Amino acid sequence: MGLKDLTPKELLDIKDRDEKEQRKQQDKKIFENVKVLIEACYIAQRHGAYTLEEARHIMDAIDILTLKDTSYSVK
């Protein structure tokens, strides 16, 4: 059974399932990056300043959260 054998509804169901999986993966990435940002706040509280390595890790998390091509874009 190939794609050509599927009905339009079956094709839409597959597309919907794929979109849900992509959203789930995107949500997981964002959750992980929010955890990094929270940890960054704890670091700041403990040390009062960021090392360059800590700042880069935090900036990477911010970059992912503010990507323009996601629905989670922060303005």
PDB file of N, CA and C in Angstrom:
ATOM      1  N   MET A   1       0.849  -1.181   0.000  1.00  0.00           N
ATOM      2  CA  MET A   1       0.000   0.000   0.000  1.00  0.00           C
ATOM      3  C   MET A   1       0.889   1.237   0.000  1.00  0.00           C
ATOM      4  N   GLY A   2       0.724   2.074  -1.008  1.00  0.00           N
ATOM      5  CA  GLY A   2       1.509   3.292  -1.128  1.00  0.00           C
ATOM      6  C   GLY A   2       0.662   4.522  -0.851  1.00  0.00           C
ATOM      7  N   LEU A   3       1.301   5.679  -0.922  1.00  0.00           N
ATOM      8  CA  LEU A   3       0.578   6.928  -0.708  1.00  0.00           C
ATOM      9  C   LEU A   3      -0.573   7.099  -1.692  1.00  0.00           C
ATOM     10  N   LYS A   4      -0.377   6.630  -2.908  1.00  0.00           N
ATOM     11  CA  LYS A   4      -1.429   6.791  -3.912  1.00  0.00           C
ATOM     12  C   LYS A   4      -2.683   5.983  -3.574  1.00  0.00           C
ATOM     13  N   ASP A   5      -2.552   4.990  -2.694  1.00  0.00           N
ATOM     14  CA  ASP A   5      -3.688   4.160  -2.303  1.00  0.00           C
ATOM     15  C   ASP A   5      -4.484   4.747  -1.137  1.00  0.00           C
ATOM     16  N   LEU A   6      -3.972   5.833  -0.540  1.00  0.00           N
ATOM     17  CA  LEU A   6      -4.643   6.426   0.615  1.00  0.00           C
ATOM     18  C   LEU A   6      -5.727   7.405   0.173  1.00  0.00           C
ATOM     19  N   THR A   7      -6.754   7.512   0.990  1.00  0.00           N
ATOM     20  CA  THR A   7      -7.821   8.478   0.716  1.00  0.00           C
ATOM     21  C   THR A   7      -7.343   9.862   1.155  1.00  0.00           C
ATOM     22  N   PRO A   8      -8.006  10.914   0.677  1.00  0.00           N
ATOM     23  CA  PRO A   8      -7.634  12.262   1.127  1.00  0.00           C
ATOM     24  C   PRO A   8      -7.700  12.398   2.652  1.00  0.00           C
ATOM     25  N   LYS A   9      -8.683  11.790   3.286  1.00  0.00           N
ATOM     26  CA  LYS A   9      -8.788  11.862   4.756  1.00  0.00           C
ATOM     27  C   LYS A   9      -7.603  11.175   5.415  1.00  0.00           C
ATOM     28  N   GLU A  10      -7.208  10.028   4.889  1.00  0.00           N
ATOM     29  CA  GLU A  10      -6.059   9.317   5.460  1.00  0.00           C
ATOM     30  C   GLU A  10      -4.780  10.149   5.311  1.00  0.00           C
ATOM     31  N   LEU A  11      -4.641  10.811   4.161  1.00  0.00           N
ATOM     32  CA  LEU A  11      -3.473  11.671   3.948  1.00  0.00           C
ATOM     33  C   LEU A  11      -3.478  12.839   4.937  1.00  0.00           C
ATOM     34  N   LEU A  12      -4.646  13.430   5.152  1.00  0.00           N
ATOM     35  CA  LEU A  12      -4.749  14.534   6.115  1.00  0.00           C
ATOM     36  C   LEU A  12      -4.455  14.053   7.535  1.00  0.00           C
ATOM     37  N   ASP A  13      -4.904  12.839   7.857  1.00  0.00           N
ATOM     38  CA  ASP A  13      -4.620  12.276   9.181  1.00  0.00           C
ATOM     39  C   ASP A  13      -3.118  12.096   9.389  1.00  0.00           C
ATOM     40  N   ILE A  14      -2.435  11.630   8.362  1.00  0.00           N
ATOM     41  CA  ILE A  14      -0.974  11.453   8.436  1.00  0.00           C
ATOM     42  C   ILE A  14      -0.299  12.804   8.616  1.00  0.00           C
ATOM     43  N   LYS A  15      -0.735  13.789   7.832  1.00  0.00           N
ATOM     44  CA  LYS A  15      -0.165  15.141   7.924  1.00  0.00           C
ATOM     45  C   LYS A  15      -0.397  15.704   9.322  1.00  0.00           C
ATOM     46  N   ASP A  16      -1.611  15.534   9.842  1.00  0.00           N
ATOM     47  CA  ASP A  16      -1.942  16.025  11.174  1.00  0.00           C
ATOM     48  C   ASP A  16      -1.068  15.353  12.231  1.00  0.00           C
ATOM     49  N   ARG A  17      -0.893  14.042  12.111  1.00  0.00           N
ATOM     50  CA  ARG A  17      -0.056  13.304  13.053  1.00  0.00           C
ATOM     51  C   ARG A  17       1.389  13.813  13.014  1.00  0.00           C
ATOM     52  N   ASP A  18       1.895  14.052  11.805  1.00  0.00           N
ATOM     53  CA  ASP A  18       3.261  14.548  11.659  1.00  0.00           C
ATOM     54  C   ASP A  18       3.411  15.947  12.263  1.00  0.00           C
ATOM     55  N   GLU A  19       2.413  16.791  12.035  1.00  0.00           N
ATOM     56  CA  GLU A  19       2.463  18.144  12.591  1.00  0.00           C
ATOM     57  C   GLU A  19       2.416  18.105  14.113  1.00  0.00           C
ATOM     58  N   LYS A  20       1.608  17.209  14.665  1.00  0.00           N
ATOM     59  CA  LYS A  20       1.540  17.071  16.124  1.00  0.00           C
ATOM     60  C   LYS A  20       2.877  16.600  16.675  1.00  0.00           C
ATOM     61  N   GLU A  21       3.535  15.682  15.986  1.00  0.00           N
ATOM     62  CA  GLU A  21       4.839  15.187  16.435  1.00  0.00           C
ATOM     63  C   GLU A  21       5.888  16.299  16.367  1.00  0.00           C
ATOM     64  N   GLN A  22       5.848  17.101  15.304  1.00  0.00           N
ATOM     65  CA  GLN A  22       6.777  18.221  15.194  1.00  0.00           C
ATOM     66  C   GLN A  22       6.552  19.217  16.319  1.00  0.00           C
ATOM     67  N   ARG A  23       5.285  19.500  16.627  1.00  0.00           N
ATOM     68  CA  ARG A  23       4.962  20.428  17.708  1.00  0.00           C
ATOM     69  C   ARG A  23       5.452  19.873  19.045  1.00  0.00           C
ATOM     70  N   LYS A  24       5.272  18.570  19.235  1.00  0.00           N
ATOM     71  CA  LYS A  24       5.719  17.929  20.468  1.00  0.00           C
ATOM     72  C   LYS A  24       7.234  18.076  20.626  1.00  0.00           C
ATOM     73  N   GLN A  25       7.974  17.850  19.544  1.00  0.00           N
ATOM     74  CA  GLN A  25       9.430  17.991  19.588  1.00  0.00           C
ATOM     75  C   GLN A  25       9.820  19.446  19.861  1.00  0.00           C
ATOM     76  N   GLN A  26       9.102  20.369  19.235  1.00  0.00           N
ATOM     77  CA  GLN A  26       9.366  21.791  19.433  1.00  0.00           C
ATOM     78  C   GLN A  26       9.076  22.173  20.891  1.00  0.00           C
ATOM     79  N   ASP A  27       7.978  21.685  21.433  1.00  0.00           N
ATOM     80  CA  ASP A  27       7.634  21.958  22.828  1.00  0.00           C
ATOM     81  C   ASP A  27       8.710  21.418  23.763  1.00  0.00           C
ATOM     82  N   LYS A  28       9.225  20.232  23.451  1.00  0.00           N
ATOM     83  CA  LYS A  28      10.270  19.633  24.280  1.00  0.00           C
ATOM     84  C   LYS A  28      11.525  20.499  24.277  1.00  0.00           C
ATOM     85  N   LYS A  29      11.922  21.000  23.102  1.00  0.00           N
ATOM     86  CA  LYS A  29      13.086  21.878  23.001  1.00  0.00           C
ATOM     87  C   LYS A  29      12.891  23.140  23.829  1.00  0.00           C
ATOM     88  N   ILE A  30      11.717  23.705  23.703  1.00  0.00           N
ATOM     89  CA  ILE A  30      11.443  24.942  24.434  1.00  0.00           C
ATOM     90  C   ILE A  30      11.456  24.686  25.933  1.00  0.00           C
ATOM     91  N   PHE A  31      10.848  23.588  26.367  1.00  0.00           N
ATOM     92  CA  PHE A  31      10.847  23.248  27.786  1.00  0.00           C
ATOM     93  C   PHE A  31      12.270  23.107  28.303  1.00  0.00           C
ATOM     94  N   GLU A  32      13.114  22.410  27.548  1.00  0.00           N
ATOM     95  CA  GLU A  32      14.507  22.230  27.961  1.00  0.00           C
ATOM     96  C   GLU A  32      15.224  23.575  28.058  1.00  0.00           C
ATOM     97  N   ASN A  33      14.956  24.466  27.121  1.00  0.00           N
ATOM     98  CA  ASN A  33      15.615  25.770  27.140  1.00  0.00           C
ATOM     99  C   ASN A  33      15.086  26.671  28.252  1.00  0.00           C
ATOM    100  N   VAL A  34      13.827  26.541  28.580  1.00  0.00           N
ATOM    101  CA  VAL A  34      13.299  27.279  29.720  1.00  0.00           C
ATOM    102  C   VAL A  34      13.988  26.790  30.998  1.00  0.00           C
ATOM    103  N   LYS A  35      14.216  25.483  31.096  1.00  0.00           N
ATOM    104  CA  LYS A  35      14.931  24.947  32.258  1.00  0.00           C
ATOM    105  C   LYS A  35      16.342  25.545  32.342  1.00  0.00           C
ATOM    106  N   VAL A  36      16.997  25.706  31.193  1.00  0.00           N
ATOM    107  CA  VAL A  36      18.337  26.317  31.175  1.00  0.00           C
ATOM    108  C   VAL A  36      18.261  27.751  31.678  1.00  0.00           C
ATOM    109  N   LEU A  37      17.261  28.483  31.234  1.00  0.00           N
ATOM    110  CA  LEU A  37      17.136  29.872  31.670  1.00  0.00           C
ATOM    111  C   LEU A  37      16.844  29.975  33.169  1.00  0.00           C
ATOM    112  N   ILE A  38      16.055  29.067  33.684  1.00  0.00           N
ATOM    113  CA  ILE A  38      15.787  29.048  35.123  1.00  0.00           C
ATOM    114  C   ILE A  38      17.078  28.759  35.884  1.00  0.00           C
ATOM    115  N   GLU A  39      17.822  27.778  35.399  1.00  0.00           N
ATOM    116  CA  GLU A  39      19.108  27.465  36.032  1.00  0.00           C
ATOM    117  C   GLU A  39      20.044  28.668  35.962  1.00  0.00           C
ATOM    118  N   ALA A  40      19.998  29.410  34.876  1.00  0.00           N
ATOM    119  CA  ALA A  40      20.826  30.615  34.744  1.00  0.00           C
ATOM    120  C   ALA A  40      20.472  31.633  35.824  1.00  0.00           C
ATOM    121  N   CYS A  41      19.213  31.729  36.142  1.00  0.00           N
ATOM    122  CA  CYS A  41      18.803  32.637  37.219  1.00  0.00           C
ATOM    123  C   CYS A  41      19.388  32.197  38.549  1.00  0.00           C
ATOM    124  N   TYR A  42      19.387  30.887  38.800  1.00  0.00           N
ATOM    125  CA  TYR A  42      19.981  30.373  40.033  1.00  0.00           C
ATOM    126  C   TYR A  42      21.483  30.655  40.078  1.00  0.00           C
ATOM    127  N   ILE A  43      22.137  30.503  38.951  1.00  0.00           N
ATOM    128  CA  ILE A  43      23.577  30.795  38.879  1.00  0.00           C
ATOM    129  C   ILE A  43      23.818  32.256  39.207  1.00  0.00           C
ATOM    130  N   ALA A  44      23.016  33.112  38.618  1.00  0.00           N
ATOM    131  CA  ALA A  44      23.173  34.548  38.869  1.00  0.00           C
ATOM    132  C   ALA A  44      22.972  34.871  40.345  1.00  0.00           C
ATOM    133  N   GLN A  45      22.003  34.222  40.957  1.00  0.00           N
ATOM    134  CA  GLN A  45      21.759  34.464  42.382  1.00  0.00           C
ATOM    135  C   GLN A  45      22.939  33.998  43.233  1.00  0.00           C
ATOM    136  N   ARG A  46      23.530  32.877  42.867  1.00  0.00           N
ATOM    137  CA  ARG A  46      24.640  32.332  43.656  1.00  0.00           C
ATOM    138  C   ARG A  46      25.943  33.101  43.440  1.00  0.00           C
ATOM    139  N   HIS A  47      26.199  33.487  42.202  1.00  0.00           N
ATOM    140  CA  HIS A  47      27.496  34.065  41.865  1.00  0.00           C
ATOM    141  C   HIS A  47      27.455  35.567  41.616  1.00  0.00           C
ATOM    142  N   GLY A  48      26.328  36.072  41.286  1.00  0.00           N
ATOM    143  CA  GLY A  48      26.222  37.503  41.024  1.00  0.00           C
ATOM    144  C   GLY A  48      26.724  37.917  39.648  1.00  0.00           C
ATOM    145  N   ALA A  49      27.362  37.021  38.924  1.00  0.00           N
ATOM    146  CA  ALA A  49      27.849  37.351  37.580  1.00  0.00           C
ATOM    147  C   ALA A  49      27.967  36.064  36.771  1.00  0.00           C
ATOM    148  N   TYR A  50      27.921  36.197  35.477  1.00  0.00           N
ATOM    149  CA  TYR A  50      28.033  35.049  34.582  1.00  0.00           C
ATOM    150  C   TYR A  50      29.461  34.934  34.057  1.00  0.00           C
ATOM    151  N   THR A  51      29.937  33.692  33.911  1.00  0.00           N
ATOM    152  CA  THR A  51      31.176  33.493  33.158  1.00  0.00           C
ATOM    153  C   THR A  51      30.808  33.575  31.680  1.00  0.00           C
ATOM    154  N   LEU A  52      31.789  33.691  30.820  1.00  0.00           N
ATOM    155  CA  LEU A  52      31.505  33.733  29.383  1.00  0.00           C
ATOM    156  C   LEU A  52      30.832  32.443  28.922  1.00  0.00           C
ATOM    157  N   GLU A  53      31.265  31.320  29.462  1.00  0.00           N
ATOM    158  CA  GLU A  53      30.670  30.040  29.077  1.00  0.00           C
ATOM    159  C   GLU A  53      29.198  29.969  29.508  1.00  0.00           C
ATOM    160  N   GLU A  54      28.913  30.400  30.726  1.00  0.00           N
ATOM    161  CA  GLU A  54      27.526  30.411  31.201  1.00  0.00           C
ATOM    162  C   GLU A  54      26.670  31.366  30.374  1.00  0.00           C
ATOM    163  N   ALA A  55      27.219  32.520  30.065  1.00  0.00           N
ATOM    164  CA  ALA A  55      26.484  33.506  29.271  1.00  0.00           C
ATOM    165  C   ALA A  55      26.182  32.955  27.875  1.00  0.00           C
ATOM    166  N   ARG A  56      27.125  32.237  27.273  1.00  0.00           N
ATOM    167  CA  ARG A  56      26.909  31.671  25.938  1.00  0.00           C
ATOM    168  C   ARG A  56      25.809  30.606  25.979  1.00  0.00           C
ATOM    169  N   HIS A  57      25.811  29.781  27.004  1.00  0.00           N
ATOM    170  CA  HIS A  57      24.794  28.742  27.149  1.00  0.00           C
ATOM    171  C   HIS A  57      23.408  29.386  27.298  1.00  0.00           C
ATOM    172  N   ILE A  58      23.341  30.416  28.087  1.00  0.00           N
ATOM    173  CA  ILE A  58      22.075  31.136  28.259  1.00  0.00           C
ATOM    174  C   ILE A  58      21.658  31.780  26.947  1.00  0.00           C
ATOM    175  N   MET A  59      22.595  32.393  26.249  1.00  0.00           N
ATOM    176  CA  MET A  59      22.281  33.043  24.974  1.00  0.00           C
ATOM    177  C   MET A  59      21.793  32.020  23.947  1.00  0.00           C
ATOM    178  N   ASP A  60      22.376  30.827  23.930  1.00  0.00           N
ATOM    179  CA  ASP A  60      21.907  29.776  23.024  1.00  0.00           C
ATOM    180  C   ASP A  60      20.436  29.439  23.304  1.00  0.00           C
ATOM    181  N   ALA A  61      20.095  29.337  24.579  1.00  0.00           N
ATOM    182  CA  ALA A  61      18.708  29.039  24.947  1.00  0.00           C
ATOM    183  C   ALA A  61      17.779  30.169  24.497  1.00  0.00           C
ATOM    184  N   ILE A  62      18.214  31.395  24.707  1.00  0.00           N
ATOM    185  CA  ILE A  62      17.405  32.545  24.287  1.00  0.00           C
ATOM    186  C   ILE A  62      17.242  32.551  22.775  1.00  0.00           C
ATOM    187  N   ASP A  63      18.319  32.257  22.044  1.00  0.00           N
ATOM    188  CA  ASP A  63      18.241  32.223  20.578  1.00  0.00           C
ATOM    189  C   ASP A  63      17.186  31.228  20.108  1.00  0.00           C
ATOM    190  N   ILE A  64      17.172  30.058  20.696  1.00  0.00           N
ATOM    191  CA  ILE A  64      16.199  29.042  20.298  1.00  0.00           C
ATOM    192  C   ILE A  64      14.780  29.496  20.618  1.00  0.00           C
ATOM    193  N   LEU A  65      14.612  30.117  21.765  1.00  0.00           N
ATOM    194  CA  LEU A  65      13.272  30.565  22.160  1.00  0.00           C
ATOM    195  C   LEU A  65      12.761  31.726  21.319  1.00  0.00           C
ATOM    196  N   THR A  66      13.659  32.469  20.694  1.00  0.00           N
ATOM    197  CA  THR A  66      13.244  33.651  19.948  1.00  0.00           C
ATOM    198  C   THR A  66      13.392  33.505  18.434  1.00  0.00           C
ATOM    199  N   LEU A  67      13.513  32.267  17.953  1.00  0.00           N
ATOM    200  CA  LEU A  67      13.589  32.048  16.507  1.00  0.00           C
ATOM    201  C   LEU A  67      12.379  32.652  15.825  1.00  0.00           C
ATOM    202  N   LYS A  68      12.584  33.306  14.734  1.00  0.00           N
ATOM    203  CA  LYS A  68      11.492  33.976  14.026  1.00  0.00           C
ATOM    204  C   LYS A  68      10.589  32.994  13.293  1.00  0.00           C
ATOM    205  N   ASP A  69      11.078  31.771  12.983  1.00  0.00           N
ATOM    206  CA  ASP A  69      10.281  30.834  12.191  1.00  0.00           C
ATOM    207  C   ASP A  69       9.481  29.855  13.047  1.00  0.00           C
ATOM    208  N   THR A  70       9.312  30.151  14.332  1.00  0.00           N
ATOM    209  CA  THR A  70       8.469  29.290  15.161  1.00  0.00           C
ATOM    210  C   THR A  70       7.280  30.079  15.667  1.00  0.00           C
ATOM    211  N   SER A  71       6.260  29.384  16.065  1.00  0.00           N
ATOM    212  CA  SER A  71       5.081  30.049  16.611  1.00  0.00           C
ATOM    213  C   SER A  71       5.342  30.559  18.019  1.00  0.00           C
ATOM    214  N   TYR A  72       6.508  30.230  18.577  1.00  0.00           N
ATOM    215  CA  TYR A  72       6.843  30.650  19.926  1.00  0.00           C
ATOM    216  C   TYR A  72       7.691  31.917  19.934  1.00  0.00           C
ATOM    217  N   SER A  73       7.831  32.551  18.790  1.00  0.00           N
ATOM    218  CA  SER A  73       8.687  33.709  18.678  1.00  0.00           C
ATOM    219  C   SER A  73       8.284  34.790  19.684  1.00  0.00           C
ATOM    220  N   VAL A  74       9.282  35.328  20.352  1.00  0.00           N
ATOM    221  CA  VAL A  74       9.072  36.394  21.337  1.00  0.00           C
ATOM    222  C   VAL A  74       9.471  37.708  20.705  1.00  0.00           C
ATOM    223  N   LYS A  75       8.620  38.680  20.800  1.00  0.00           N
ATOM    224  CA  LYS A  75       8.913  39.969  20.184  1.00  0.00           C
ATOM    225  C   LYS A  75       9.305  40.977  21.246  1.00  0.00           C
TER     226      LYS A  75
END
